[in-house]
Amino acid sequence: MAYRETEHTLARKADTRQKLLKAARRLVQQGGFAAASAASVAKESGVAAGTIYRHFPNKSELVAEVFRYATEREVAEVAAAAEQESDAAAKLRAAIETFATRALQGRQLAYALIAEPVDPRVEQERLRYRYAYAEVFEDVIELGIQQQIFVEQDSHISAAAVVGLLAESLVGPLNPINPNKESAAEDAENASSSVNEQHLIESLVALVLRAVGFHNH
């Protein structure tokens, strides 16, 4: 008779898989995908190294799954921010502010998701990640056209362009910060950085609103 896993066994495997994904995400937040080696993930999650290969056949599959795990949360946050508004321009602003603010608050993770060199398996996930964001923006742009506050346009093309614009604009600012700074100098730079980040976010909002042809009645 073929072996059938019990519900308890399946639940335990699911818990272990979740633990591995959370550990890998923490490592990516600290040092990018390069930091998420099988040995490091095992150590971070407190499991034996061999356990990883019972859940992920190789590092590419592990990293691809971590990419999905991280991006689903990020896309959900942007979609939720847009959902809270009724006006399309407000939705667009909320989505952009959320995208950029979360990226700037978690620079290493955001840089890894947007720009870190990855193998082809993970690059496929990056494309899905962009498509998921584009769907959020496409819905907002369609609404803006219906509300007659955005010009007539191909919302599918415009949404893809918005995602590309945001990603490319943030690559530079998201470069990992040099940790070897004196405290006073670092504090001064952080204060200046906060102002610059707000300027960056406002500039991105203004640029995208112009791009979709926003106009008040």
C-alpha atoms as a PDB file:
ATOM      1  CA  MET A   1       0.000   0.000   0.000  1.00  0.00           C
ATOM      2  CA  ALA A   2       1.385   3.401  -0.978  1.00  0.00           C
ATOM      3  CA  TYR A   3       2.428   5.701   1.846  1.00  0.00           C
ATOM      4  CA  ARG A   4       0.081   8.612   2.401  1.00  0.00           C
ATOM      5  CA  GLU A   5       1.182  11.595   4.438  1.00  0.00           C
ATOM      6  CA  THR A   6      -1.047  12.431   7.374  1.00  0.00           C
ATOM      7  CA  GLU A   7      -2.538  15.892   7.870  1.00  0.00           C
ATOM      8  CA  HIS A   8      -0.142  16.383  10.775  1.00  0.00           C
ATOM      9  CA  THR A   9       2.863  15.529   8.592  1.00  0.00           C
ATOM     10  CA  LEU A  10       1.680  17.834   5.817  1.00  0.00           C
ATOM     11  CA  ALA A  11       1.098  20.667   8.295  1.00  0.00           C
ATOM     12  CA  ARG A  12       4.567  20.174   9.778  1.00  0.00           C
ATOM     13  CA  LYS A  13       6.148  20.262   6.316  1.00  0.00           C
ATOM     14  CA  ALA A  14       4.227  23.442   5.486  1.00  0.00           C
ATOM     15  CA  ASP A  15       5.403  25.038   8.731  1.00  0.00           C
ATOM     16  CA  THR A  16       9.020  24.127   7.998  1.00  0.00           C
ATOM     17  CA  ARG A  17       8.747  25.492   4.469  1.00  0.00           C
ATOM     18  CA  GLN A  18       7.320  28.758   5.816  1.00  0.00           C
ATOM     19  CA  LYS A  19      10.119  28.960   8.374  1.00  0.00           C
ATOM     20  CA  LEU A  20      12.702  28.519   5.611  1.00  0.00           C
ATOM     21  CA  LEU A  21      11.090  31.204   3.447  1.00  0.00           C
ATOM     22  CA  LYS A  22      10.961  33.687   6.315  1.00  0.00           C
ATOM     23  CA  ALA A  23      14.601  33.004   7.172  1.00  0.00           C
ATOM     24  CA  ALA A  24      15.647  33.418   3.538  1.00  0.00           C
ATOM     25  CA  ARG A  25      13.695  36.677   3.274  1.00  0.00           C
ATOM     26  CA  ARG A  26      15.511  38.049   6.339  1.00  0.00           C
ATOM     27  CA  LEU A  27      18.849  37.172   4.752  1.00  0.00           C
ATOM     28  CA  VAL A  28      17.864  38.859   1.487  1.00  0.00           C
ATOM     29  CA  GLN A  29      16.854  41.955   3.461  1.00  0.00           C
ATOM     30  CA  GLN A  30      20.328  42.010   4.994  1.00  0.00           C
ATOM     31  CA  GLY A  31      22.530  41.118   2.046  1.00  0.00           C
ATOM     32  CA  GLY A  32      20.531  40.479  -1.108  1.00  0.00           C
ATOM     33  CA  PHE A  33      19.921  37.152  -2.824  1.00  0.00           C
ATOM     34  CA  ALA A  34      23.643  36.397  -2.763  1.00  0.00           C
ATOM     35  CA  ALA A  35      23.360  36.080   1.032  1.00  0.00           C
ATOM     36  CA  ALA A  36      20.638  33.427   0.843  1.00  0.00           C
ATOM     37  CA  SER A  37      22.829  30.341   0.459  1.00  0.00           C
ATOM     38  CA  ALA A  38      21.424  26.991   1.539  1.00  0.00           C
ATOM     39  CA  ALA A  39      23.819  26.869   4.502  1.00  0.00           C
ATOM     40  CA  SER A  40      22.903  30.397   5.601  1.00  0.00           C
ATOM     41  CA  VAL A  41      19.178  29.746   5.320  1.00  0.00           C
ATOM     42  CA  ALA A  42      19.540  26.528   7.317  1.00  0.00           C
ATOM     43  CA  LYS A  43      21.483  28.314  10.054  1.00  0.00           C
ATOM     44  CA  GLU A  44      19.063  31.257  10.133  1.00  0.00           C
ATOM     45  CA  SER A  45      16.020  29.001  10.366  1.00  0.00           C
ATOM     46  CA  GLY A  46      17.570  26.577  12.844  1.00  0.00           C
ATOM     47  CA  VAL A  47      17.195  23.437  10.717  1.00  0.00           C
ATOM     48  CA  ALA A  48      19.650  20.932   9.312  1.00  0.00           C
ATOM     49  CA  ALA A  49      21.112  21.879   5.927  1.00  0.00           C
ATOM     50  CA  GLY A  50      19.721  18.734   4.328  1.00  0.00           C
ATOM     51  CA  THR A  51      16.197  19.759   5.309  1.00  0.00           C
ATOM     52  CA  ILE A  52      16.228  22.541   2.713  1.00  0.00           C
ATOM     53  CA  TYR A  53      16.574  20.075  -0.144  1.00  0.00           C
ATOM     54  CA  ARG A  54      13.452  18.235   0.939  1.00  0.00           C
ATOM     55  CA  HIS A  55      11.537  21.429   0.201  1.00  0.00           C
ATOM     56  CA  PHE A  56      13.601  23.060  -2.579  1.00  0.00           C
ATOM     57  CA  PRO A  57      15.630  20.973  -5.062  1.00  0.00           C
ATOM     58  CA  ASN A  58      18.297  23.665  -5.526  1.00  0.00           C
ATOM     59  CA  LYS A  59      19.187  27.256  -4.635  1.00  0.00           C
ATOM     60  CA  SER A  60      17.505  28.646  -7.766  1.00  0.00           C
ATOM     61  CA  GLU A  61      14.178  27.176  -6.696  1.00  0.00           C
ATOM     62  CA  LEU A  62      14.648  28.436  -3.149  1.00  0.00           C
ATOM     63  CA  VAL A  63      15.476  31.965  -4.308  1.00  0.00           C
ATOM     64  CA  ALA A  64      12.614  31.965  -6.827  1.00  0.00           C
ATOM     65  CA  GLU A  65      10.194  30.983  -4.072  1.00  0.00           C
ATOM     66  CA  VAL A  66      11.608  33.672  -1.766  1.00  0.00           C
ATOM     67  CA  PHE A  67      11.168  36.171  -4.587  1.00  0.00           C
ATOM     68  CA  ARG A  68       7.498  35.170  -4.917  1.00  0.00           C
ATOM     69  CA  TYR A  69       7.048  35.235  -1.149  1.00  0.00           C
ATOM     70  CA  ALA A  70       8.509  38.759  -0.852  1.00  0.00           C
ATOM     71  CA  THR A  71       6.870  40.275  -3.917  1.00  0.00           C
ATOM     72  CA  GLU A  72       3.373  39.022  -3.165  1.00  0.00           C
ATOM     73  CA  ARG A  73       3.462  40.998   0.064  1.00  0.00           C
ATOM     74  CA  GLU A  74       4.812  44.134  -1.635  1.00  0.00           C
ATOM     75  CA  VAL A  75       2.248  44.049  -4.441  1.00  0.00           C
ATOM     76  CA  ALA A  76      -0.540  43.463  -1.915  1.00  0.00           C
ATOM     77  CA  GLU A  77       0.529  46.541   0.066  1.00  0.00           C
ATOM     78  CA  VAL A  78       0.465  48.737  -3.047  1.00  0.00           C
ATOM     79  CA  ALA A  79      -2.905  47.365  -4.150  1.00  0.00           C
ATOM     80  CA  ALA A  80      -4.357  47.888  -0.665  1.00  0.00           C
ATOM     81  CA  ALA A  81      -3.160  51.497  -0.586  1.00  0.00           C
ATOM     82  CA  ALA A  82      -4.848  52.211  -3.924  1.00  0.00           C
ATOM     83  CA  GLU A  83      -8.018  50.442  -2.834  1.00  0.00           C
ATOM     84  CA  GLN A  84      -8.527  52.853   0.054  1.00  0.00           C
ATOM     85  CA  GLU A  85      -9.113  55.788  -2.303  1.00  0.00           C
ATOM     86  CA  SER A  86     -12.054  56.415  -4.625  1.00  0.00           C
ATOM     87  CA  ASP A  87     -10.598  59.018  -6.962  1.00  0.00           C
ATOM     88  CA  ALA A  88      -8.212  57.617  -9.580  1.00  0.00           C
ATOM     89  CA  ALA A  89      -5.612  60.350  -9.071  1.00  0.00           C
ATOM     90  CA  ALA A  90      -5.639  59.701  -5.313  1.00  0.00           C
ATOM     91  CA  LYS A  91      -5.360  55.958  -5.973  1.00  0.00           C
ATOM     92  CA  LEU A  92      -2.368  56.524  -8.238  1.00  0.00           C
ATOM     93  CA  ARG A  93      -0.687  58.789  -5.704  1.00  0.00           C
ATOM     94  CA  ALA A  94      -1.278  56.287  -2.884  1.00  0.00           C
ATOM     95  CA  ALA A  95       0.081  53.401  -4.949  1.00  0.00           C
ATOM     96  CA  ILE A  96       3.236  55.293  -5.955  1.00  0.00           C
ATOM     97  CA  GLU A  97       3.868  56.628  -2.453  1.00  0.00           C
ATOM     98  CA  THR A  98       3.479  53.144  -0.988  1.00  0.00           C
ATOM     99  CA  PHE A  99       5.713  51.541  -3.628  1.00  0.00           C
ATOM    100  CA  ALA A 100       8.490  54.122  -3.187  1.00  0.00           C
ATOM    101  CA  THR A 101       8.249  54.481   0.601  1.00  0.00           C
ATOM    102  CA  ARG A 102       8.391  50.738   1.224  1.00  0.00           C
ATOM    103  CA  ALA A 103      11.313  50.435  -1.177  1.00  0.00           C
ATOM    104  CA  LEU A 104      13.267  53.222   0.512  1.00  0.00           C
ATOM    105  CA  GLN A 105      12.554  51.810   3.964  1.00  0.00           C
ATOM    106  CA  GLY A 106      13.773  48.347   2.935  1.00  0.00           C
ATOM    107  CA  ARG A 107      16.511  49.289   0.496  1.00  0.00           C
ATOM    108  CA  GLN A 108      18.402  46.012   0.356  1.00  0.00           C
ATOM    109  CA  LEU A 109      15.281  43.927  -0.216  1.00  0.00           C
ATOM    110  CA  ALA A 110      13.874  46.385  -2.738  1.00  0.00           C
ATOM    111  CA  TYR A 111      17.179  46.545  -4.627  1.00  0.00           C
ATOM    112  CA  ALA A 112      17.278  42.752  -4.701  1.00  0.00           C
ATOM    113  CA  LEU A 113      13.735  42.577  -6.079  1.00  0.00           C
ATOM    114  CA  ILE A 114      14.220  45.336  -8.647  1.00  0.00           C
ATOM    115  CA  ALA A 115      17.817  45.206  -9.829  1.00  0.00           C
ATOM    116  CA  GLU A 116      20.111  42.581  -8.275  1.00  0.00           C
ATOM    117  CA  PRO A 117      21.556  40.269 -10.948  1.00  0.00           C
ATOM    118  CA  VAL A 118      19.820  36.897 -10.692  1.00  0.00           C
ATOM    119  CA  ASP A 119      19.754  33.629 -12.639  1.00  0.00           C
ATOM    120  CA  PRO A 120      17.168  33.064 -15.411  1.00  0.00           C
ATOM    121  CA  ARG A 121      14.838  31.104 -13.120  1.00  0.00           C
ATOM    122  CA  VAL A 122      14.518  34.054 -10.764  1.00  0.00           C
ATOM    123  CA  GLU A 123      14.369  36.543 -13.634  1.00  0.00           C
ATOM    124  CA  GLN A 124      11.101  34.869 -14.681  1.00  0.00           C
ATOM    125  CA  GLU A 125       9.717  35.714 -11.253  1.00  0.00           C
ATOM    126  CA  ARG A 126      10.906  39.298 -11.642  1.00  0.00           C
ATOM    127  CA  LEU A 127       8.867  39.581 -14.842  1.00  0.00           C
ATOM    128  CA  ARG A 128       5.789  38.208 -13.048  1.00  0.00           C
ATOM    129  CA  TYR A 129       6.429  40.725 -10.279  1.00  0.00           C
ATOM    130  CA  ARG A 130       6.359  43.581 -12.775  1.00  0.00           C
ATOM    131  CA  TYR A 131       3.220  42.227 -14.434  1.00  0.00           C
ATOM    132  CA  ALA A 132       1.487  42.062 -11.042  1.00  0.00           C
ATOM    133  CA  TYR A 133       2.290  45.693 -10.330  1.00  0.00           C
ATOM    134  CA  ALA A 134       1.242  46.655 -13.856  1.00  0.00           C
ATOM    135  CA  GLU A 135      -2.183  45.091 -13.284  1.00  0.00           C
ATOM    136  CA  VAL A 136      -2.687  47.323 -10.239  1.00  0.00           C
ATOM    137  CA  PHE A 137      -1.739  50.438 -12.173  1.00  0.00           C
ATOM    138  CA  GLU A 138      -3.766  49.389 -15.214  1.00  0.00           C
ATOM    139  CA  ASP A 139      -6.945  49.200 -13.112  1.00  0.00           C
ATOM    140  CA  VAL A 140      -6.267  52.665 -11.698  1.00  0.00           C
ATOM    141  CA  ILE A 141      -5.570  54.171 -15.110  1.00  0.00           C
ATOM    142  CA  GLU A 142      -8.732  52.602 -16.526  1.00  0.00           C
ATOM    143  CA  LEU A 143     -10.714  54.159 -13.694  1.00  0.00           C
ATOM    144  CA  GLY A 144      -9.120  57.539 -14.358  1.00  0.00           C
ATOM    145  CA  ILE A 145     -10.183  57.344 -17.995  1.00  0.00           C
ATOM    146  CA  GLN A 146     -13.726  56.465 -16.930  1.00  0.00           C
ATOM    147  CA  GLN A 147     -13.735  59.353 -14.444  1.00  0.00           C
ATOM    148  CA  GLN A 148     -12.467  61.585 -17.270  1.00  0.00           C
ATOM    149  CA  ILE A 149      -9.497  62.833 -15.270  1.00  0.00           C
ATOM    150  CA  PHE A 150      -6.883  60.907 -17.299  1.00  0.00           C
ATOM    151  CA  VAL A 151      -6.587  61.294 -21.062  1.00  0.00           C
ATOM    152  CA  GLU A 152      -7.670  58.452 -23.355  1.00  0.00           C
ATOM    153  CA  GLN A 153      -4.820  55.980 -23.703  1.00  0.00           C
ATOM    154  CA  ASP A 154      -3.908  52.300 -23.849  1.00  0.00           C
ATOM    155  CA  SER A 155      -3.972  51.589 -20.111  1.00  0.00           C
ATOM    156  CA  HIS A 156      -2.060  48.317 -20.548  1.00  0.00           C
ATOM    157  CA  ILE A 157       0.915  50.042 -22.171  1.00  0.00           C
ATOM    158  CA  SER A 158       0.784  52.988 -19.782  1.00  0.00           C
ATOM    159  CA  ALA A 159       0.738  50.722 -16.731  1.00  0.00           C
ATOM    160  CA  ALA A 160       3.812  48.810 -17.906  1.00  0.00           C
ATOM    161  CA  ALA A 161       5.585  52.127 -18.532  1.00  0.00           C
ATOM    162  CA  VAL A 162       4.725  53.362 -15.026  1.00  0.00           C
ATOM    163  CA  VAL A 163       6.236  50.244 -13.445  1.00  0.00           C
ATOM    164  CA  GLY A 164       9.383  50.633 -15.529  1.00  0.00           C
ATOM    165  CA  LEU A 165       9.637  54.312 -14.642  1.00  0.00           C
ATOM    166  CA  LEU A 166       9.338  53.643 -10.911  1.00  0.00           C
ATOM    167  CA  ALA A 167      11.819  50.779 -10.949  1.00  0.00           C
ATOM    168  CA  GLU A 168      14.470  52.627 -12.964  1.00  0.00           C
ATOM    169  CA  SER A 169      14.071  55.825 -10.935  1.00  0.00           C
ATOM    170  CA  LEU A 170      14.675  53.961  -7.680  1.00  0.00           C
ATOM    171  CA  VAL A 171      17.668  51.824  -8.695  1.00  0.00           C
ATOM    172  CA  GLY A 172      20.207  54.539  -7.820  1.00  0.00           C
ATOM    173  CA  PRO A 173      18.689  55.573  -4.480  1.00  0.00           C
ATOM    174  CA  LEU A 174      18.327  51.916  -3.467  1.00  0.00           C
ATOM    175  CA  ASN A 175      22.021  51.089  -3.785  1.00  0.00           C
ATOM    176  CA  PRO A 176      23.214  49.597  -0.469  1.00  0.00           C
ATOM    177  CA  ILE A 177      24.263  52.264   2.051  1.00  0.00           C
ATOM    178  CA  ASN A 178      27.850  52.318   3.293  1.00  0.00           C
ATOM    179  CA  PRO A 179      27.642  51.278   6.972  1.00  0.00           C
ATOM    180  CA  ASN A 180      31.130  52.621   7.861  1.00  0.00           C
ATOM    181  CA  LYS A 181      30.230  56.207   8.716  1.00  0.00           C
ATOM    182  CA  GLU A 182      30.793  58.248  11.814  1.00  0.00           C
ATOM    183  CA  SER A 183      27.681  58.644  13.899  1.00  0.00           C
ATOM    184  CA  ALA A 184      27.347  62.454  13.663  1.00  0.00           C
ATOM    185  CA  ALA A 185      27.965  62.475   9.933  1.00  0.00           C
ATOM    186  CA  GLU A 186      25.529  59.605   9.529  1.00  0.00           C
ATOM    187  CA  ASP A 187      22.817  61.436  11.496  1.00  0.00           C
ATOM    188  CA  ALA A 188      23.237  64.552   9.371  1.00  0.00           C
ATOM    189  CA  GLU A 189      23.132  62.529   6.187  1.00  0.00           C
ATOM    190  CA  ASN A 190      20.044  60.632   7.346  1.00  0.00           C
ATOM    191  CA  ALA A 191      18.207  63.917   7.983  1.00  0.00           C
ATOM    192  CA  SER A 192      19.184  65.188   4.548  1.00  0.00           C
ATOM    193  CA  SER A 193      18.283  61.834   3.023  1.00  0.00           C
ATOM    194  CA  SER A 194      14.798  62.022   4.530  1.00  0.00           C
ATOM    195  CA  VAL A 195      14.184  65.340   2.787  1.00  0.00           C
ATOM    196  CA  ASN A 196      15.616  64.035  -0.473  1.00  0.00           C
ATOM    197  CA  GLU A 197      13.471  60.905  -0.299  1.00  0.00           C
ATOM    198  CA  GLN A 198      10.314  62.967   0.130  1.00  0.00           C
ATOM    199  CA  HIS A 199      11.348  65.079  -2.841  1.00  0.00           C
ATOM    200  CA  LEU A 200      11.972  61.908  -4.850  1.00  0.00           C
ATOM    201  CA  ILE A 201       8.536  60.491  -4.000  1.00  0.00           C
ATOM    202  CA  GLU A 202       6.745  63.746  -4.814  1.00  0.00           C
ATOM    203  CA  SER A 203       8.656  64.007  -8.088  1.00  0.00           C
ATOM    204  CA  LEU A 204       7.668  60.460  -9.044  1.00  0.00           C
ATOM    205  CA  VAL A 205       4.006  61.162  -8.260  1.00  0.00           C
ATOM    206  CA  ALA A 206       4.057  64.361 -10.330  1.00  0.00           C
ATOM    207  CA  LEU A 207       5.847  62.657 -13.215  1.00  0.00           C
ATOM    208  CA  VAL A 208       3.410  59.739 -13.376  1.00  0.00           C
ATOM    209  CA  LEU A 209       0.364  61.996 -13.122  1.00  0.00           C
ATOM    210  CA  ARG A 210       1.703  64.025 -16.048  1.00  0.00           C
ATOM    211  CA  ALA A 211       2.433  60.834 -17.960  1.00  0.00           C
ATOM    212  CA  VAL A 212      -1.177  59.617 -17.701  1.00  0.00           C
ATOM    213  CA  GLY A 213      -2.507  63.041 -18.631  1.00  0.00           C
ATOM    214  CA  PHE A 214      -4.122  63.928 -15.320  1.00  0.00           C
ATOM    215  CA  HIS A 215      -6.300  67.009 -15.420  1.00  0.00           C
ATOM    216  CA  ASN A 216      -8.808  68.510 -13.008  1.00  0.00           C
ATOM    217  CA  HIS A 217     -12.314  69.237 -14.279  1.00  0.00           C
END
